[in-house]
Structure formats: structure tokens, C-alpha cells
C-alpha atoms as a PDB file:
ATOM      1  CA  UNK A   1     -21.347  27.829   2.728  1.00  0.00           C
ATOM      2  CA  UNK A   2     -19.340  30.891   3.757  1.00  0.00           C
ATOM      3  CA  UNK A   3     -17.116  28.708   5.937  1.00  0.00           C
ATOM      4  CA  UNK A   4     -16.421  26.394   2.970  1.00  0.00           C
ATOM      5  CA  UNK A   5     -15.593  29.352   0.730  1.00  0.00           C
ATOM      6  CA  UNK A   6     -13.313  30.795   3.395  1.00  0.00           C
ATOM      7  CA  UNK A   7     -11.558  27.424   3.691  1.00  0.00           C
ATOM      8  CA  UNK A   8     -11.049  27.197  -0.077  1.00  0.00           C
ATOM      9  CA  UNK A   9      -9.746  30.774  -0.174  1.00  0.00           C
ATOM     10  CA  UNK A  10      -7.349  29.985   2.672  1.00  0.00           C
ATOM     11  CA  UNK A  11      -6.029  26.909   0.844  1.00  0.00           C
ATOM     12  CA  UNK A  12      -5.598  28.892  -2.383  1.00  0.00           C
ATOM     13  CA  UNK A  13      -3.816  31.717  -0.551  1.00  0.00           C
ATOM     14  CA  UNK A  14      -1.526  29.280   1.231  1.00  0.00           C
ATOM     15  CA  UNK A  15      -0.675  27.499  -2.019  1.00  0.00           C
ATOM     16  CA  UNK A  16       0.053  30.774  -3.764  1.00  0.00           C
ATOM     17  CA  UNK A  17       2.312  31.846  -0.888  1.00  0.00           C
ATOM     18  CA  UNK A  18       4.129  28.499  -0.995  1.00  0.00           C
ATOM     19  CA  UNK A  19       4.785  28.874  -4.733  1.00  0.00           C
ATOM     20  CA  UNK A  20       5.978  32.439  -4.222  1.00  0.00           C
ATOM     21  CA  UNK A  21       8.273  31.378  -1.385  1.00  0.00           C
ATOM     22  CA  UNK A  22       9.734  28.586  -3.498  1.00  0.00           C
ATOM     23  CA  UNK A  23      10.472  31.100  -6.246  1.00  0.00           C
ATOM     24  CA  UNK A  24      12.243  33.335  -3.737  1.00  0.00           C
ATOM     25  CA  UNK A  25      14.141  30.385  -2.270  1.00  0.00           C
ATOM     26  CA  UNK A  26      15.604  29.358  -5.631  1.00  0.00           C
ATOM     27  CA  UNK A  27      16.058  33.018  -6.716  1.00  0.00           C
ATOM     28  CA  UNK A  28      13.938  32.389  -9.792  1.00  0.00           C
ATOM     29  CA  UNK A  29      15.043  35.400 -11.880  1.00  0.00           C
ATOM     30  CA  UNK A  30      18.738  34.740 -11.226  1.00  0.00           C
ATOM     31  CA  UNK A  31      18.222  31.066 -12.018  1.00  0.00           C
ATOM     32  CA  UNK A  32      16.616  31.984 -15.349  1.00  0.00           C
ATOM     33  CA  UNK A  33      19.752  33.951 -16.288  1.00  0.00           C
ATOM     34  CA  UNK A  34      21.895  30.909 -15.474  1.00  0.00           C
ATOM     35  CA  UNK A  35      19.662  28.659 -17.580  1.00  0.00           C
ATOM     36  CA  UNK A  36      19.754  31.145 -20.451  1.00  0.00           C
ATOM     37  CA  UNK A  37      23.558  31.046 -20.423  1.00  0.00           C
ATOM     38  CA  UNK A  38      23.687  27.235 -20.382  1.00  0.00           C
ATOM     39  CA  UNK A  39      21.145  26.820 -23.175  1.00  0.00           C
ATOM     40  CA  UNK A  40      22.800  29.521 -25.288  1.00  0.00           C
ATOM     41  CA  UNK A  41      26.212  27.879 -24.966  1.00  0.00           C
ATOM     42  CA  UNK A  42      24.632  24.556 -26.035  1.00  0.00           C
ATOM     43  CA  UNK A  43      23.057  26.307 -29.031  1.00  0.00           C
ATOM     44  CA  UNK A  44      26.307  28.073 -29.941  1.00  0.00           C
ATOM     45  CA  UNK A  45      28.495  24.957 -30.059  1.00  0.00           C
ATOM     46  CA  UNK A  46      25.758  23.036 -31.889  1.00  0.00           C
ATOM     47  CA  UNK A  47      25.489  25.758 -34.514  1.00  0.00           C
ATOM     48  CA  UNK A  48      21.814  26.172 -33.705  1.00  0.00           C
ATOM     49  CA  UNK A  49      21.130  22.484 -34.309  1.00  0.00           C
ATOM     50  CA  UNK A  50      19.416  21.968 -30.963  1.00  0.00           C
ATOM     51  CA  UNK A  51      17.321  19.004 -29.867  1.00  0.00           C
ATOM     52  CA  UNK A  52      14.270  19.877 -27.801  1.00  0.00           C
ATOM     53  CA  UNK A  53      14.678  16.880 -25.492  1.00  0.00           C
ATOM     54  CA  UNK A  54      18.316  17.774 -24.778  1.00  0.00           C
ATOM     55  CA  UNK A  55      17.500  21.432 -24.109  1.00  0.00           C
ATOM     56  CA  UNK A  56      14.662  20.398 -21.789  1.00  0.00           C
ATOM     57  CA  UNK A  57      16.955  18.055 -19.864  1.00  0.00           C
ATOM     58  CA  UNK A  58      19.677  20.718 -19.659  1.00  0.00           C
ATOM     59  CA  UNK A  59      17.145  23.310 -18.486  1.00  0.00           C
ATOM     60  CA  UNK A  60      15.667  21.078 -15.787  1.00  0.00           C
ATOM     61  CA  UNK A  61      19.053  19.862 -14.576  1.00  0.00           C
ATOM     62  CA  UNK A  62      20.441  23.383 -14.494  1.00  0.00           C
ATOM     63  CA  UNK A  63      17.359  24.695 -12.717  1.00  0.00           C
ATOM     64  CA  UNK A  64      17.548  22.123  -9.940  1.00  0.00           C
ATOM     65  CA  UNK A  65      21.308  22.501  -9.364  1.00  0.00           C
ATOM     66  CA  UNK A  66      21.133  26.304  -9.355  1.00  0.00           C
ATOM     67  CA  UNK A  67      18.016  26.319  -7.206  1.00  0.00           C
ATOM     68  CA  UNK A  68      19.673  23.968  -4.702  1.00  0.00           C
ATOM     69  CA  UNK A  69      22.727  26.219  -4.417  1.00  0.00           C
ATOM     70  CA  UNK A  70      20.555  29.313  -3.939  1.00  0.00           C
ATOM     71  CA  UNK A  71      18.422  27.560  -1.326  1.00  0.00           C
ATOM     72  CA  UNK A  72      21.445  26.552   0.742  1.00  0.00           C
ATOM     73  CA  UNK A  73      22.813  30.055   0.342  1.00  0.00           C
ATOM     74  CA  UNK A  74      19.691  31.424   2.030  1.00  0.00           C
ATOM     75  CA  UNK A  75      19.839  28.822   4.785  1.00  0.00           C
ATOM     76  CA  UNK A  76      23.464  29.641   5.577  1.00  0.00           C
ATOM     77  CA  UNK A  77      22.905  33.403   5.415  1.00  0.00           C
ATOM     78  CA  UNK A  78      19.526  33.596   7.161  1.00  0.00           C
ATOM     79  CA  UNK A  79      20.919  35.431  10.205  1.00  0.00           C
ATOM     80  CA  UNK A  80      22.495  38.041   7.937  1.00  0.00           C
ATOM     81  CA  UNK A  81      19.576  38.312   5.511  1.00  0.00           C
ATOM     82  CA  UNK A  82      17.301  39.536   8.301  1.00  0.00           C
ATOM     83  CA  UNK A  83      19.615  42.533   8.761  1.00  0.00           C
ATOM     84  CA  UNK A  84      19.064  43.781   5.205  1.00  0.00           C
ATOM     85  CA  UNK A  85      15.702  45.281   4.171  1.00  0.00           C
ATOM     86  CA  UNK A  86      15.846  43.770   0.655  1.00  0.00           C
ATOM     87  CA  UNK A  87      16.279  40.214   1.993  1.00  0.00           C
ATOM     88  CA  UNK A  88      14.452  40.422   5.335  1.00  0.00           C
ATOM     89  CA  UNK A  89      11.245  38.961   3.859  1.00  0.00           C
ATOM     90  CA  UNK A  90      12.811  35.788   2.496  1.00  0.00           C
ATOM     91  CA  UNK A  91      10.874  32.655   3.541  1.00  0.00           C
ATOM     92  CA  UNK A  92      13.581  31.088   5.717  1.00  0.00           C
ATOM     93  CA  UNK A  93      14.291  34.409   7.452  1.00  0.00           C
ATOM     94  CA  UNK A  94      10.650  35.039   8.320  1.00  0.00           C
ATOM     95  CA  UNK A  95       9.951  31.440   9.316  1.00  0.00           C
ATOM     96  CA  UNK A  96       7.371  30.871   6.586  1.00  0.00           C
ATOM     97  CA  UNK A  97       9.663  28.002   5.571  1.00  0.00           C
ATOM     98  CA  UNK A  98      11.622  26.024   8.135  1.00  0.00           C
ATOM     99  CA  UNK A  99      15.356  25.467   7.823  1.00  0.00           C
ATOM    100  CA  UNK A 100      14.830  21.709   7.620  1.00  0.00           C
ATOM    101  CA  UNK A 101      12.330  22.115   4.771  1.00  0.00           C
ATOM    102  CA  UNK A 102      14.699  24.383   2.839  1.00  0.00           C
ATOM    103  CA  UNK A 103      17.616  21.978   3.342  1.00  0.00           C
ATOM    104  CA  UNK A 104      15.446  19.020   2.278  1.00  0.00           C
ATOM    105  CA  UNK A 105      14.336  20.842  -0.866  1.00  0.00           C
ATOM    106  CA  UNK A 106      17.946  21.787  -1.633  1.00  0.00           C
ATOM    107  CA  UNK A 107      19.052  18.184  -1.195  1.00  0.00           C
ATOM    108  CA  UNK A 108      16.407  16.776  -3.509  1.00  0.00           C
ATOM    109  CA  UNK A 109      17.014  19.473  -6.126  1.00  0.00           C
ATOM    110  CA  UNK A 110      20.776  18.851  -6.050  1.00  0.00           C
ATOM    111  CA  UNK A 111      20.221  15.105  -6.435  1.00  0.00           C
ATOM    112  CA  UNK A 112      17.762  15.468  -9.306  1.00  0.00           C
ATOM    113  CA  UNK A 113      19.757  18.194 -11.049  1.00  0.00           C
ATOM    114  CA  UNK A 114      23.127  16.414 -10.930  1.00  0.00           C
ATOM    115  CA  UNK A 115      21.479  13.155 -12.029  1.00  0.00           C
ATOM    116  CA  UNK A 116      19.911  14.888 -15.034  1.00  0.00           C
ATOM    117  CA  UNK A 117      23.184  16.527 -16.073  1.00  0.00           C
ATOM    118  CA  UNK A 118      24.948  13.177 -15.707  1.00  0.00           C
ATOM    119  CA  UNK A 119      22.569  11.759 -18.301  1.00  0.00           C
ATOM    120  CA  UNK A 120      24.529  13.772 -20.879  1.00  0.00           C
ATOM    121  CA  UNK A 121      27.896  12.532 -19.577  1.00  0.00           C
ATOM    122  CA  UNK A 122      29.819  12.282 -16.327  1.00  0.00           C
ATOM    123  CA  UNK A 123      31.750  15.494 -17.031  1.00  0.00           C
ATOM    124  CA  UNK A 124      28.525  17.513 -17.084  1.00  0.00           C
ATOM    125  CA  UNK A 125      27.438  15.879 -13.822  1.00  0.00           C
ATOM    126  CA  UNK A 126      30.816  16.587 -12.215  1.00  0.00           C
ATOM    127  CA  UNK A 127      30.749  20.241 -13.287  1.00  0.00           C
ATOM    128  CA  UNK A 128      27.220  20.600 -11.923  1.00  0.00           C
ATOM    129  CA  UNK A 129      28.394  19.171  -8.602  1.00  0.00           C
ATOM    130  CA  UNK A 130      31.414  21.500  -8.599  1.00  0.00           C
ATOM    131  CA  UNK A 131      29.199  24.529  -9.242  1.00  0.00           C
ATOM    132  CA  UNK A 132      26.813  23.536  -6.451  1.00  0.00           C
ATOM    133  CA  UNK A 133      29.521  22.881  -3.835  1.00  0.00           C
ATOM    134  CA  UNK A 134      31.703  25.883  -4.675  1.00  0.00           C
ATOM    135  CA  UNK A 135      28.768  28.319  -4.587  1.00  0.00           C
ATOM    136  CA  UNK A 136      27.076  27.049  -1.438  1.00  0.00           C
ATOM    137  CA  UNK A 137      30.037  25.994   0.681  1.00  0.00           C
ATOM    138  CA  UNK A 138      32.979  28.125  -0.499  1.00  0.00           C
ATOM    139  CA  UNK A 139      31.653  31.369  -1.989  1.00  0.00           C
ATOM    140  CA  UNK A 140      28.832  31.865   0.531  1.00  0.00           C
ATOM    141  CA  UNK A 141      30.961  31.840   3.735  1.00  0.00           C
ATOM    142  CA  UNK A 142      33.746  33.841   2.031  1.00  0.00           C
ATOM    143  CA  UNK A 143      31.433  36.824   1.454  1.00  0.00           C
ATOM    144  CA  UNK A 144      31.907  37.993   5.024  1.00  0.00           C
ATOM    145  CA  UNK A 145      35.689  37.538   5.101  1.00  0.00           C
ATOM    146  CA  UNK A 146      37.198  38.884   1.892  1.00  0.00           C
ATOM    147  CA  UNK A 147      36.272  40.773  -1.306  1.00  0.00           C
ATOM    148  CA  UNK A 148      38.041  37.932  -3.142  1.00  0.00           C
ATOM    149  CA  UNK A 149      34.782  36.041  -2.706  1.00  0.00           C
ATOM    150  CA  UNK A 150      33.634  37.743  -5.919  1.00  0.00           C
ATOM    151  CA  UNK A 151      36.402  35.939  -7.843  1.00  0.00           C
ATOM    152  CA  UNK A 152      35.502  32.626  -6.208  1.00  0.00           C
ATOM    153  CA  UNK A 153      31.793  33.116  -6.905  1.00  0.00           C
ATOM    154  CA  UNK A 154      32.533  33.934 -10.540  1.00  0.00           C
ATOM    155  CA  UNK A 155      33.678  30.328 -11.089  1.00  0.00           C
ATOM    156  CA  UNK A 156      30.343  28.578 -10.365  1.00  0.00           C
ATOM    157  CA  UNK A 157      28.677  31.563 -12.005  1.00  0.00           C
ATOM    158  CA  UNK A 158      30.432  30.793 -15.306  1.00  0.00           C
ATOM    159  CA  UNK A 159      30.421  26.983 -15.161  1.00  0.00           C
ATOM    160  CA  UNK A 160      26.911  26.719 -16.736  1.00  0.00           C
ATOM    161  CA  UNK A 161      28.400  27.802 -20.072  1.00  0.00           C
ATOM    162  CA  UNK A 162      30.910  24.966 -19.973  1.00  0.00           C
ATOM    163  CA  UNK A 163      28.151  22.568 -18.912  1.00  0.00           C
ATOM    164  CA  UNK A 164      26.060  23.616 -21.919  1.00  0.00           C
ATOM    165  CA  UNK A 165      29.025  22.982 -24.232  1.00  0.00           C
ATOM    166  CA  UNK A 166      29.888  19.642 -22.618  1.00  0.00           C
ATOM    167  CA  UNK A 167      26.271  18.502 -22.927  1.00  0.00           C
ATOM    168  CA  UNK A 168      26.615  18.729 -26.713  1.00  0.00           C
ATOM    169  CA  UNK A 169      30.327  18.195 -27.406  1.00  0.00           C
ATOM    170  CA  UNK A 170      30.997  15.590 -24.685  1.00  0.00           C
ATOM    171  CA  UNK A 171      34.272  17.337 -23.866  1.00  0.00           C
ATOM    172  CA  UNK A 172      35.592  20.700 -22.642  1.00  0.00           C
ATOM    173  CA  UNK A 173      36.565  22.331 -25.924  1.00  0.00           C
ATOM    174  CA  UNK A 174      38.466  25.602 -26.512  1.00  0.00           C
ATOM    175  CA  UNK A 175      35.122  27.227 -27.421  1.00  0.00           C
ATOM    176  CA  UNK A 176      33.773  26.157 -24.031  1.00  0.00           C
ATOM    177  CA  UNK A 177      36.713  27.895 -22.338  1.00  0.00           C
ATOM    178  CA  UNK A 178      36.108  31.030 -24.416  1.00  0.00           C
ATOM    179  CA  UNK A 179      32.475  31.130 -23.295  1.00  0.00           C
ATOM    180  CA  UNK A 180      33.508  30.432 -19.714  1.00  0.00           C
ATOM    181  CA  UNK A 181      35.956  33.345 -19.927  1.00  0.00           C
ATOM    182  CA  UNK A 182      33.222  35.617 -21.265  1.00  0.00           C
ATOM    183  CA  UNK A 183      30.867  35.059 -18.343  1.00  0.00           C
ATOM    184  CA  UNK A 184      33.659  34.784 -15.758  1.00  0.00           C
ATOM    185  CA  UNK A 185      35.069  38.205 -16.689  1.00  0.00           C
ATOM    186  CA  UNK A 186      31.603  39.731 -17.155  1.00  0.00           C
ATOM    187  CA  UNK A 187      30.675  39.021 -13.550  1.00  0.00           C
ATOM    188  CA  UNK A 188      33.254  41.396 -12.038  1.00  0.00           C
ATOM    189  CA  UNK A 189      32.021  44.737 -13.452  1.00  0.00           C
ATOM    190  CA  UNK A 190      28.451  43.441 -13.180  1.00  0.00           C
ATOM    191  CA  UNK A 191      28.622  42.372  -9.550  1.00  0.00           C
ATOM    192  CA  UNK A 192      30.726  45.317  -8.403  1.00  0.00           C
ATOM    193  CA  UNK A 193      28.118  47.688  -9.832  1.00  0.00           C
ATOM    194  CA  UNK A 194      25.382  45.768  -8.002  1.00  0.00           C
ATOM    195  CA  UNK A 195      27.475  45.796  -4.799  1.00  0.00           C
ATOM    196  CA  UNK A 196      27.997  49.560  -5.146  1.00  0.00           C
ATOM    197  CA  UNK A 197      24.241  50.134  -5.437  1.00  0.00           C
ATOM    198  CA  UNK A 198      23.476  47.867  -2.455  1.00  0.00           C
ATOM    199  CA  UNK A 199      26.559  48.756  -0.405  1.00  0.00           C
ATOM    200  CA  UNK A 200      24.659  50.140   2.602  1.00  0.00           C
ATOM    201  CA  UNK A 201      22.554  46.975   2.783  1.00  0.00           C
ATOM    202  CA  UNK A 202      25.546  44.671   2.433  1.00  0.00           C
ATOM    203  CA  UNK A 203      27.481  46.412   5.186  1.00  0.00           C
ATOM    204  CA  UNK A 204      24.591  45.977   7.612  1.00  0.00           C
ATOM    205  CA  UNK A 205      25.117  42.238   7.247  1.00  0.00           C
ATOM    206  CA  UNK A 206      28.910  42.450   7.340  1.00  0.00           C
ATOM    207  CA  UNK A 207      29.434  41.806   3.623  1.00  0.00           C
ATOM    208  CA  UNK A 208      32.292  43.821   2.152  1.00  0.00           C
ATOM    209  CA  UNK A 209      32.211  42.991  -1.536  1.00  0.00           C
ATOM    210  CA  UNK A 210      33.745  46.041  -3.215  1.00  0.00           C
ATOM    211  CA  UNK A 211      37.385  45.576  -4.269  1.00  0.00           C
ATOM    212  CA  UNK A 212      38.864  48.603  -2.475  1.00  0.00           C
ATOM    213  CA  UNK A 213      41.199  48.037   0.457  1.00  0.00           C
ATOM    214  CA  UNK A 214      38.590  48.783   3.126  1.00  0.00           C
ATOM    215  CA  UNK A 215      35.533  47.884   1.083  1.00  0.00           C
ATOM    216  CA  UNK A 216      34.692  51.540   0.552  1.00  0.00           C
ATOM    217  CA  UNK A 217      33.087  53.108  -2.510  1.00  0.00           C
ATOM    218  CA  UNK A 218      36.121  54.686  -4.162  1.00  0.00           C
ATOM    219  CA  UNK A 219      37.723  54.837  -7.606  1.00  0.00           C
ATOM    220  CA  UNK A 220      39.144  51.298  -7.281  1.00  0.00           C
ATOM    221  CA  UNK A 221      35.822  49.748  -8.262  1.00  0.00           C
ATOM    222  CA  UNK A 222      35.505  51.744 -11.473  1.00  0.00           C
ATOM    223  CA  UNK A 223      39.149  51.239 -12.429  1.00  0.00           C
ATOM    224  CA  UNK A 224      39.106  47.458 -11.934  1.00  0.00           C
ATOM    225  CA  UNK A 225      35.763  47.224 -13.756  1.00  0.00           C
ATOM    226  CA  UNK A 226      37.401  49.067 -16.651  1.00  0.00           C
ATOM    227  CA  UNK A 227      40.297  46.585 -16.645  1.00  0.00           C
ATOM    228  CA  UNK A 228      37.971  43.591 -16.741  1.00  0.00           C
ATOM    229  CA  UNK A 229      36.118  45.077 -19.701  1.00  0.00           C
ATOM    230  CA  UNK A 230      39.450  45.310 -21.509  1.00  0.00           C
ATOM    231  CA  UNK A 231      40.087  41.667 -20.605  1.00  0.00           C
ATOM    232  CA  UNK A 232      36.752  40.896 -22.262  1.00  0.00           C
ATOM    233  CA  UNK A 233      38.084  42.608 -25.388  1.00  0.00           C
ATOM    234  CA  UNK A 234      41.134  40.356 -25.180  1.00  0.00           C
ATOM    235  CA  UNK A 235      38.944  37.272 -24.780  1.00  0.00           C
ATOM    236  CA  UNK A 236      37.088  38.160 -27.980  1.00  0.00           C
ATOM    237  CA  UNK A 237      40.264  38.885 -29.948  1.00  0.00           C
ATOM    238  CA  UNK A 238      41.931  35.636 -28.853  1.00  0.00           C
ATOM    239  CA  UNK A 239      38.833  33.668 -29.888  1.00  0.00           C
ATOM    240  CA  UNK A 240      39.007  35.290 -33.341  1.00  0.00           C
ATOM    241  CA  UNK A 241      42.759  34.726 -33.611  1.00  0.00           C
ATOM    242  CA  UNK A 242      42.265  31.024 -32.843  1.00  0.00           C
ATOM    243  CA  UNK A 243      39.524  30.803 -35.442  1.00  0.00           C
ATOM    244  CA  UNK A 244      36.558  30.133 -33.171  1.00  0.00           C
ATOM    245  CA  UNK A 245      34.664  33.373 -33.868  1.00  0.00           C
ATOM    246  CA  UNK A 246      34.180  35.254 -37.122  1.00  0.00           C
ATOM    247  CA  UNK A 247      35.385  38.781 -37.842  1.00  0.00           C
ATOM    248  CA  UNK A 248      31.967  40.466 -37.788  1.00  0.00           C
ATOM    249  CA  UNK A 249      31.001  38.899 -34.464  1.00  0.00           C
ATOM    250  CA  UNK A 250      34.403  39.812 -33.016  1.00  0.00           C
ATOM    251  CA  UNK A 251      34.038  43.450 -34.044  1.00  0.00           C
ATOM    252  CA  UNK A 252      30.574  43.612 -32.469  1.00  0.00           C
ATOM    253  CA  UNK A 253      31.843  42.034 -29.241  1.00  0.00           C
ATOM    254  CA  UNK A 254      34.818  44.396 -29.104  1.00  0.00           C
ATOM    255  CA  UNK A 255      32.489  47.371 -29.609  1.00  0.00           C
ATOM    256  CA  UNK A 256      30.184  46.164 -26.815  1.00  0.00           C
ATOM    257  CA  UNK A 257      33.100  45.660 -24.443  1.00  0.00           C
ATOM    258  CA  UNK A 258      34.703  49.025 -25.241  1.00  0.00           C
ATOM    259  CA  UNK A 259      31.381  50.810 -24.713  1.00  0.00           C
ATOM    260  CA  UNK A 260      31.000  49.119 -21.334  1.00  0.00           C
ATOM    261  CA  UNK A 261      34.618  49.936 -20.501  1.00  0.00           C
ATOM    262  CA  UNK A 262      33.895  53.601 -21.267  1.00  0.00           C
ATOM    263  CA  UNK A 263      30.980  53.578 -18.820  1.00  0.00           C
ATOM    264  CA  UNK A 264      33.111  51.842 -16.172  1.00  0.00           C
ATOM    265  CA  UNK A 265      35.682  54.597 -16.641  1.00  0.00           C
ATOM    266  CA  UNK A 266      32.871  56.995 -15.785  1.00  0.00           C
ATOM    267  CA  UNK A 267      32.492  55.291 -12.398  1.00  0.00           C
ATOM    268  CA  UNK A 268      36.257  55.545 -11.897  1.00  0.00           C
ATOM    269  CA  UNK A 269      36.196  59.281 -12.599  1.00  0.00           C
ATOM    270  CA  UNK A 270      33.033  60.264 -10.717  1.00  0.00           C
ATOM    271  CA  UNK A 271      32.493  57.571  -8.062  1.00  0.00           C
ATOM    272  CA  UNK A 272      28.802  58.393  -8.341  1.00  0.00           C
ATOM    273  CA  UNK A 273      25.715  56.305  -7.791  1.00  0.00           C
ATOM    274  CA  UNK A 274      24.464  57.328 -11.238  1.00  0.00           C
ATOM    275  CA  UNK A 275      27.595  55.944 -12.906  1.00  0.00           C
ATOM    276  CA  UNK A 276      27.300  52.687 -10.939  1.00  0.00           C
ATOM    277  CA  UNK A 277      23.659  52.378 -11.976  1.00  0.00           C
ATOM    278  CA  UNK A 278      24.618  52.886 -15.628  1.00  0.00           C
ATOM    279  CA  UNK A 279      27.363  50.261 -15.366  1.00  0.00           C
ATOM    280  CA  UNK A 280      24.895  47.839 -13.788  1.00  0.00           C
ATOM    281  CA  UNK A 281      22.144  48.303 -16.383  1.00  0.00           C
ATOM    282  CA  UNK A 282      24.602  47.899 -19.254  1.00  0.00           C
ATOM    283  CA  UNK A 283      25.683  44.594 -17.717  1.00  0.00           C
ATOM    284  CA  UNK A 284      22.097  43.313 -17.870  1.00  0.00           C
ATOM    285  CA  UNK A 285      22.095  43.770 -21.658  1.00  0.00           C
ATOM    286  CA  UNK A 286      25.761  42.966 -22.298  1.00  0.00           C
ATOM    287  CA  UNK A 287      25.765  39.218 -21.593  1.00  0.00           C
ATOM    288  CA  UNK A 288      22.622  38.202 -23.518  1.00  0.00           C
ATOM    289  CA  UNK A 289      23.659  40.414 -26.447  1.00  0.00           C
ATOM    290  CA  UNK A 290      27.135  38.849 -26.504  1.00  0.00           C
ATOM    291  CA  UNK A 291      25.721  35.319 -26.494  1.00  0.00           C
ATOM    292  CA  UNK A 292      23.192  36.170 -29.209  1.00  0.00           C
ATOM    293  CA  UNK A 293      25.987  37.615 -31.377  1.00  0.00           C
ATOM    294  CA  UNK A 294      28.010  34.419 -30.928  1.00  0.00           C
ATOM    295  CA  UNK A 295      24.986  32.261 -31.764  1.00  0.00           C
ATOM    296  CA  UNK A 296      24.282  34.230 -34.948  1.00  0.00           C
ATOM    297  CA  UNK A 297      27.937  33.887 -35.879  1.00  0.00           C
ATOM    298  CA  UNK A 298      27.742  30.079 -35.577  1.00  0.00           C
ATOM    299  CA  UNK A 299      24.431  29.826 -37.430  1.00  0.00           C
END
């Protein structure tokens, strides 16, 4: 009896560990942010007139494509992940999941995800493929060679907003480009703040992601973050000028961007960990708030 209970407990524990490892492999929390962006862009261009079946298909397709890219990222970086305390317990690094298993899962997820996005139209499927390839095979190896990898990684990072628009509109509209610009520009002050906070970890693995000449924590990061926040202001104003966003929503977006710019200026002036932390936490709220404002404007 005790042996049977021990066996059942062992099976349950193993299953729970496998589910946890899968969540780590696909970077579940990051993937949720990507899915949120894609679904919100779909809702924005549809004016809130969403179809449950379409949102479900977009969510599943986006999840599989993003999860596949994240899985391959961990396979390719496994030798570097073991050098950083925050990533040293990832399943591929520790051997809880073999490389072949991770690659097989990534392959199936990429196939399923791209197929699902292609059910909307071929453009959505192509953009999903582009996001997957550029993240896994271009951005990932560039992280150890140049800080410009952040700019390259910002492209697949922002493509989900275009995919969400294309899923509804069947074409890449000016509104889709505006939303792409929003998330593309947002990623620079967001990721640089994250890179500042995790700089010691990143350098152990040979990743130099801050934009300064030698990858050091100096005023360059704060200044460039400030500039990108101003570019976000410009993105909002251009969208209003072209008639794609209303005045109230534009004023709210401009206020959000100027507030974030002010905090980025604080990092430029102080070069402190506290200022970087503030810039990072504002970024967590900035993107969802911006998308919600745009959705309310369309509704």
C-alpha cells in the first residue's frame, strides 16, 4: 500500500515538474505579454468587435510561435545560461530536459503556431515565421557580439501587434504600423532598464546589452532611453495627425510618454540602480496602459 502511494506521489511530482519545466522553457510570463499585445491590437483595429473563435486561434497560434522561439533561445544559450544564477536552473541547463526534447517541442510548436496564424491569411503566417526566425536565429546569437542586438530583437518583439491587426484587417494598415512603432520603441527603455538591473549576471555570460561604448552602466543608457520616450511621443502625435487616434487618447499617451521620459532622465542624471528600477517598473505599466487607452478610443 505504501509502495503504491509512493509510486503515485512520484508520478504526480514528476508530472508537476514537467509542467513547470515546460512553462520555463516557453517563458510563460513573457509569452503572456506577447499574447496580450497581439489580442489587444486585434481588438483595437476591430473596434472591440472581437470574435471569440478568432481570439482563441490568435492566442493559440501566438503562444506556440512565441514558445517555440523561446525554447530554441534556451537551447542555443544553454552554455551561457548556466553561468548566470537567474537562469542556471532552466530545464535544458540542468539536464531535466534534453536538448533533443526541447528542439522537438520547439519544432512542433513552430509548426502548429504558424499553421494556426496562416488560417487567418498567409501574411499572418509569414509574419509569425519571420518573428520566430529573427528571434531565435538572428537576435539570439547577436546578444554576445553587439548591443545592436536590442534593436534587432525589438523587431520580432513588436511583430505580434501587426499580426493581431492583420488577423482582422487582412492587410498591414497604417494603424498596424502605428501599433508596431509603439511596441518597437517601448522595448528600448524597457529592455535597457532590465539590462541595467541584471548587468552583472549578463556580463558573466558575455552579454553586453547596454548601449554605451563598452557596455558599461553610464549616462548613455538613461539619455537614449529618454530619446526613445520622446520618439514615442512623436509616434502618438503622428497617429493623431493622420486621424487614426482621437485627441483625448493622444493627450493621455503623450502624458504617459513624457512621464516615462522624465524618469529616464533621472537615470541619465544619477546613473543609479534605483532610477533604473523605477524606469523598469514604469515600463511594465506603460505598454498595457497605452494599449487600453487606444482600445477605449476605438470603442
